[in-house]
Amino acid sequence: MEQRTVVLPYRHCVEPVHAVTEGLAMSEQKRAIRETGFTNCDVAAQVGGVHVLGGLHGHPLTIARLTGSITRYEPDVVAVEACAEAISQYHPDVQDARWPPRDELEAAAYATDRLYDLLLAGIDTRESEHSADFERFDREIFTELGIIGSPDELTRATYYELDLETIREWRALTEVRAPDAFTTVLAERDAVMAGHLHALVSDEDIDTIVAMVGVQHLTGVVDLLRTPSEIPDDFVEIPPLAHYRLFPRDSPWSSAK
């Protein structure tokens, strides 16, 4: 692959989930951070050529980690937890992605507009509805696991303490509390996103993917990528893709490199 050096100056169809982060604002957290799927995405959440990041949708640290991973890994595809309509909203014919971006989709669109060969994929193609109070479950579960002392201590910083094993425990206890919602909101969408990623990385023209999903999806997606035989066959398909190649690479009107 041609060497590309791009410095990225620092909306979608999903509801916010939760974050595992690489670093913290000093005002939020001062103690050392344990290893997490987010911090060590290139080890703990890498499956072949797929780097899976878990994060809080729209959080500045999630955006920074995504843009940093695009610069570091030079992927062929950046995949976000978003639907087909969402990945088209920042096409230059519609509206320009601004900087700084408001969420990871806008960050990915900004990168796609400036990296000629980079494709943008929307891997959250399954609609889901639920009435479960996931925040209440989190308060109960993290108290039960000893991550917080009482339910009212839950903050965003709580999610920064999660490692992959704790995420698995969190998911298991969520399933006990709301099995139907767990299946609809988490497990089925895990499989859909993993199926799209598996189809993409199986394409002979695609070597590297950077994917951003909500943190509670992280282990579900990664575990399925490691055992793709468990992904339903009808979920293994190329997801909606977008690119912003309005002009040839060498055109004076092109912003791509």
Protein backbone atom coordinates (compact mmCIF):
# COMPACT_ATOMS: atom_id res chain seq x y z
CA MET A 1 0.00 0.00 0.00
CA GLU A 2 1.21 3.48 -0.85
CA GLN A 3 2.53 5.34 2.22
CA ARG A 4 0.12 8.06 3.31
CA THR A 5 0.82 10.64 5.95
CA VAL A 6 -2.20 12.60 7.08
CA VAL A 7 -2.53 14.70 10.19
CA LEU A 8 -6.17 14.86 11.21
CA PRO A 9 -6.88 18.03 13.20
CA TYR A 10 -8.87 16.82 15.90
CA ARG A 11 -24.36 11.78 13.64
CA HIS A 12 -25.58 8.61 13.35
CA CYS A 13 -28.48 6.18 13.81
CA VAL A 14 -27.57 4.78 17.18
CA GLU A 15 -28.29 5.70 20.75
CA PRO A 16 -25.32 6.39 23.04
CA VAL A 17 -23.74 3.41 24.73
CA HIS A 18 -20.74 3.49 27.01
CA ALA A 19 -17.01 4.09 26.83
CA VAL A 20 -13.70 2.46 27.49
CA THR A 21 -11.02 5.08 26.88
CA GLU A 22 -7.36 5.51 26.21
CA GLY A 23 -6.86 8.46 28.50
CA LEU A 24 -8.84 10.74 30.76
CA ALA A 25 -9.19 14.42 31.42
CA MET A 26 -7.39 15.16 34.67
CA SER A 27 -10.59 16.56 36.11
CA GLU A 28 -12.31 13.20 35.64
CA GLN A 29 -9.65 10.70 36.66
CA LYS A 30 -6.20 10.96 38.19
CA ARG A 31 -5.21 7.37 38.93
CA ALA A 32 -3.57 4.98 36.50
CA ILE A 33 -5.80 3.22 34.01
CA ARG A 34 -5.83 -0.55 33.78
CA GLU A 35 -5.51 -2.26 30.41
CA THR A 36 -8.74 -2.02 28.46
CA GLY A 37 -10.01 -3.05 25.08
CA PHE A 38 -9.89 0.58 24.02
CA THR A 39 -6.37 1.36 25.22
CA ASN A 40 -4.92 -1.79 23.74
CA CYS A 41 -7.20 -2.14 20.74
CA ASP A 42 -4.30 -3.23 18.55
CA VAL A 43 -3.74 -6.21 20.86
CA ALA A 44 -6.87 -6.98 22.90
CA ALA A 45 -9.37 -6.13 20.20
CA GLN A 46 -7.54 -6.87 16.99
CA VAL A 47 -8.63 -9.82 14.88
CA GLY A 48 -6.49 -10.24 11.81
CA GLY A 49 -6.67 -6.99 9.90
CA VAL A 50 -9.61 -5.64 11.90
CA HIS A 51 -8.92 -3.19 14.73
CA VAL A 52 -12.05 -2.87 16.86
CA LEU A 53 -12.36 0.14 19.15
CA GLY A 54 -14.99 0.44 21.86
CA GLY A 55 -16.14 3.87 22.92
CA LEU A 56 -18.83 6.26 24.01
CA HIS A 57 -20.53 7.67 20.94
CA GLY A 58 -19.71 11.33 20.47
CA HIS A 59 -17.19 11.47 23.32
CA PRO A 60 -14.06 13.56 22.54
CA LEU A 61 -11.74 10.74 23.62
CA THR A 62 -13.54 8.32 21.31
CA ILE A 63 -13.12 10.75 18.43
CA ALA A 64 -9.44 11.24 19.24
CA ARG A 65 -8.82 7.48 19.45
CA LEU A 66 -10.56 6.89 16.13
CA THR A 67 -8.67 9.59 14.27
CA GLY A 68 -5.41 8.45 15.85
CA SER A 69 -6.08 4.87 14.74
CA ILE A 70 -6.83 5.98 11.17
CA THR A 71 -3.50 7.81 11.08
CA ARG A 72 -1.62 4.93 12.71
CA TYR A 73 -3.04 1.93 10.85
CA GLU A 74 -3.78 3.54 7.45
CA PRO A 75 -6.88 1.38 6.92
CA ASP A 76 -8.63 0.65 3.66
CA VAL A 77 -11.99 1.03 5.43
CA VAL A 78 -13.13 2.89 8.51
CA ALA A 79 -16.31 1.28 9.86
CA VAL A 80 -18.66 3.00 12.27
CA GLU A 81 -21.75 1.94 14.19
CA ALA A 82 -24.12 3.77 11.87
CA CYS A 83 -26.71 3.03 9.21
CA ALA A 84 -26.64 3.49 5.44
CA GLU A 85 -28.38 6.88 5.50
CA ALA A 86 -26.02 8.17 8.16
CA ILE A 87 -22.78 7.49 6.30
CA SER A 88 -24.04 9.50 3.32
CA GLN A 89 -24.98 12.64 5.25
CA TYR A 90 -21.48 14.13 5.06
CA HIS A 91 -20.96 13.58 1.35
CA PRO A 92 -19.63 16.87 -0.07
CA ASP A 93 -22.72 17.16 -2.25
CA VAL A 94 -24.81 17.20 0.95
CA GLN A 95 -22.74 18.91 3.63
CA ASP A 96 -19.10 19.13 4.61
CA ALA A 97 -17.85 17.34 7.69
CA ARG A 98 -16.57 20.01 10.03
CA TRP A 99 -13.57 20.10 12.33
CA PRO A 100 -13.60 19.47 15.21
CA PRO A 101 -16.16 16.72 14.58
CA ARG A 102 -19.18 16.20 16.78
CA ASP A 103 -18.94 12.42 16.80
CA GLU A 104 -16.99 9.54 15.33
CA LEU A 105 -19.10 9.40 12.16
CA GLU A 106 -18.25 12.99 11.30
CA ALA A 107 -14.60 12.29 12.16
CA ALA A 108 -14.59 9.29 9.82
CA ALA A 109 -16.28 11.32 7.08
CA TYR A 110 -13.68 14.07 7.47
CA ALA A 111 -10.92 11.49 7.04
CA THR A 112 -12.65 9.89 4.04
CA ASP A 113 -12.86 13.27 2.35
CA ARG A 114 -9.10 13.72 2.72
CA LEU A 115 -7.79 10.20 2.09
CA TYR A 116 -8.59 9.32 -1.51
CA ASP A 117 -8.57 5.54 -1.07
CA LEU A 118 -10.32 5.39 2.32
CA LEU A 119 -13.85 3.95 2.30
CA LEU A 120 -16.46 4.64 4.96
CA ALA A 121 -18.69 1.73 6.03
CA GLY A 122 -21.90 1.82 8.05
CA ILE A 123 -22.06 -1.51 9.89
CA ASP A 124 -25.11 -0.96 12.13
CA THR A 125 -27.76 -1.99 9.61
CA ARG A 126 -30.24 -3.63 11.97
CA GLU A 127 -32.95 -1.52 13.58
CA SER A 128 -33.89 -2.25 17.18
CA GLU A 129 -36.35 -0.93 19.71
CA HIS A 130 -36.49 -1.50 23.44
CA SER A 131 -37.89 -0.06 26.63
CA ALA A 132 -35.27 -1.49 28.98
CA ASP A 133 -33.53 0.91 31.36
CA PHE A 134 -29.92 0.01 30.59
CA GLU A 135 -28.54 2.78 32.78
CA ARG A 136 -30.35 1.35 35.79
CA PHE A 137 -28.93 -2.07 34.97
CA ASP A 138 -25.44 -0.56 34.79
CA ARG A 139 -25.84 1.06 38.19
CA GLU A 140 -26.92 -2.25 39.71
CA ILE A 141 -24.36 -4.39 37.90
CA PHE A 142 -21.33 -2.20 38.54
CA THR A 143 -22.29 -2.03 42.22
CA GLU A 144 -22.63 -5.82 42.30
CA LEU A 145 -19.22 -6.21 40.65
CA GLY A 146 -17.64 -3.79 43.12
CA ILE A 147 -16.67 -1.27 40.46
CA ILE A 148 -18.67 1.43 42.27
CA GLY A 149 -19.71 1.57 45.91
CA SER A 150 -23.37 2.38 45.31
CA PRO A 151 -25.68 2.89 42.31
CA ASP A 152 -25.58 6.68 42.58
CA GLU A 153 -21.80 6.67 42.05
CA LEU A 154 -22.07 5.76 38.36
CA THR A 155 -20.33 8.33 36.13
CA ARG A 156 -18.70 8.28 32.73
CA ALA A 157 -15.40 7.62 34.46
CA THR A 158 -16.82 4.30 35.69
CA TYR A 159 -16.69 2.92 32.17
CA TYR A 160 -13.03 3.86 31.90
CA GLU A 161 -12.21 1.16 34.46
CA LEU A 162 -13.55 -1.76 32.43
CA ASP A 163 -11.30 -4.42 30.97
CA LEU A 164 -12.48 -7.01 28.48
CA GLU A 165 -13.33 -9.62 31.10
CA THR A 166 -15.40 -7.10 33.05
CA ILE A 167 -17.23 -6.14 29.87
CA ARG A 168 -18.13 -9.81 29.41
CA GLU A 169 -19.42 -10.01 33.00
CA TRP A 170 -21.38 -6.79 32.47
CA ARG A 171 -22.99 -8.23 29.35
CA ALA A 172 -23.83 -11.53 31.06
CA LEU A 173 -25.52 -9.80 34.00
CA THR A 174 -27.39 -7.50 31.61
CA GLU A 175 -28.71 -10.55 29.78
CA VAL A 176 -29.97 -12.02 33.07
CA ARG A 177 -31.91 -8.83 33.82
CA ALA A 178 -33.38 -8.26 30.37
CA PRO A 179 -32.87 -11.26 28.07
CA ASP A 180 -35.12 -10.03 25.27
CA ALA A 181 -33.61 -6.54 25.19
CA PHE A 182 -30.12 -8.03 25.39
CA THR A 183 -30.82 -10.18 22.34
CA THR A 184 -32.39 -7.36 20.34
CA VAL A 185 -30.13 -4.46 21.26
CA LEU A 186 -26.81 -6.19 21.82
CA ALA A 187 -26.45 -9.78 20.61
CA GLU A 188 -28.21 -9.48 17.25
CA ARG A 189 -26.48 -6.21 16.42
CA ASP A 190 -23.13 -7.72 17.51
CA ALA A 191 -23.68 -10.43 14.92
CA VAL A 192 -24.72 -7.98 12.20
CA MET A 193 -21.67 -5.77 12.76
CA ALA A 194 -19.31 -8.75 13.00
CA GLY A 195 -20.81 -10.18 9.81
CA HIS A 196 -20.21 -6.96 7.92
CA LEU A 197 -16.63 -6.70 9.20
CA HIS A 198 -15.91 -10.34 8.34
CA ALA A 199 -17.24 -9.83 4.81
CA LEU A 200 -15.15 -6.71 4.35
CA VAL A 201 -11.87 -8.18 5.57
CA SER A 202 -12.47 -11.28 3.41
CA ASP A 203 -12.42 -9.06 0.31
CA GLU A 204 -9.08 -9.43 -1.46
CA ASP A 205 -8.81 -5.66 -1.91
CA ILE A 206 -9.19 -4.91 1.81
CA ASP A 207 -6.34 -5.60 4.20
CA THR A 208 -6.98 -3.31 7.16
CA ILE A 209 -10.12 -2.02 8.85
CA VAL A 210 -10.54 0.34 11.79
CA ALA A 211 -13.96 -0.16 13.37
CA MET A 212 -15.61 1.86 16.13
CA VAL A 213 -18.48 0.34 18.13
CA GLY A 214 -20.17 1.08 21.43
CA VAL A 215 -18.21 -0.43 24.28
CA GLN A 216 -20.89 -2.91 25.34
CA HIS A 217 -20.68 -4.33 21.80
CA LEU A 218 -16.89 -4.63 21.92
CA THR A 219 -16.44 -8.17 23.21
CA GLY A 220 -19.49 -9.45 21.35
CA VAL A 221 -18.12 -8.25 18.01
CA VAL A 222 -14.54 -9.32 18.71
CA ASP A 223 -15.49 -12.80 19.91
CA LEU A 224 -17.59 -13.40 16.80
CA LEU A 225 -14.76 -12.23 14.53
CA ARG A 226 -12.52 -14.77 16.24
CA THR A 227 -15.07 -17.55 15.58
CA PRO A 228 -16.73 -16.46 12.33
CA SER A 229 -18.49 -19.81 11.97
CA GLU A 230 -20.85 -18.56 14.70
CA ILE A 231 -21.96 -15.57 12.62
CA PRO A 232 -25.25 -16.35 10.83
CA ASP A 233 -24.59 -16.70 7.10
CA ASP A 234 -27.16 -14.07 6.14
CA PHE A 235 -25.30 -11.49 8.24
CA VAL A 236 -22.03 -11.97 6.34
CA GLU A 237 -22.41 -9.34 3.65
CA ILE A 238 -20.66 -6.19 2.53
CA PRO A 239 -22.21 -3.24 4.40
CA PRO A 240 -23.20 0.10 2.90
CA LEU A 241 -20.07 1.93 1.74
CA ALA A 242 -19.40 5.56 0.88
CA HIS A 243 -16.51 7.49 -0.58
CA TYR A 244 -16.13 11.14 -1.49
CA ARG A 245 -14.17 10.95 -4.75
CA LEU A 246 -15.81 13.87 -6.50
CA PHE A 247 -12.65 14.74 -8.43
CA PRO A 248 -9.54 12.88 -9.59
CA ARG A 249 -6.83 12.62 -6.97
CA ASP A 250 -4.62 15.19 -8.73
CA SER A 251 -7.44 17.68 -9.34
CA PRO A 252 -6.91 21.14 -7.81
CA TRP A 253 -10.46 20.85 -6.46
CA SER A 254 -9.80 17.59 -4.64
CA SER A 255 -9.06 17.73 -0.90
CA ALA A 256 -7.91 14.09 -0.87
CA LYS A 257 -4.32 12.91 -0.66
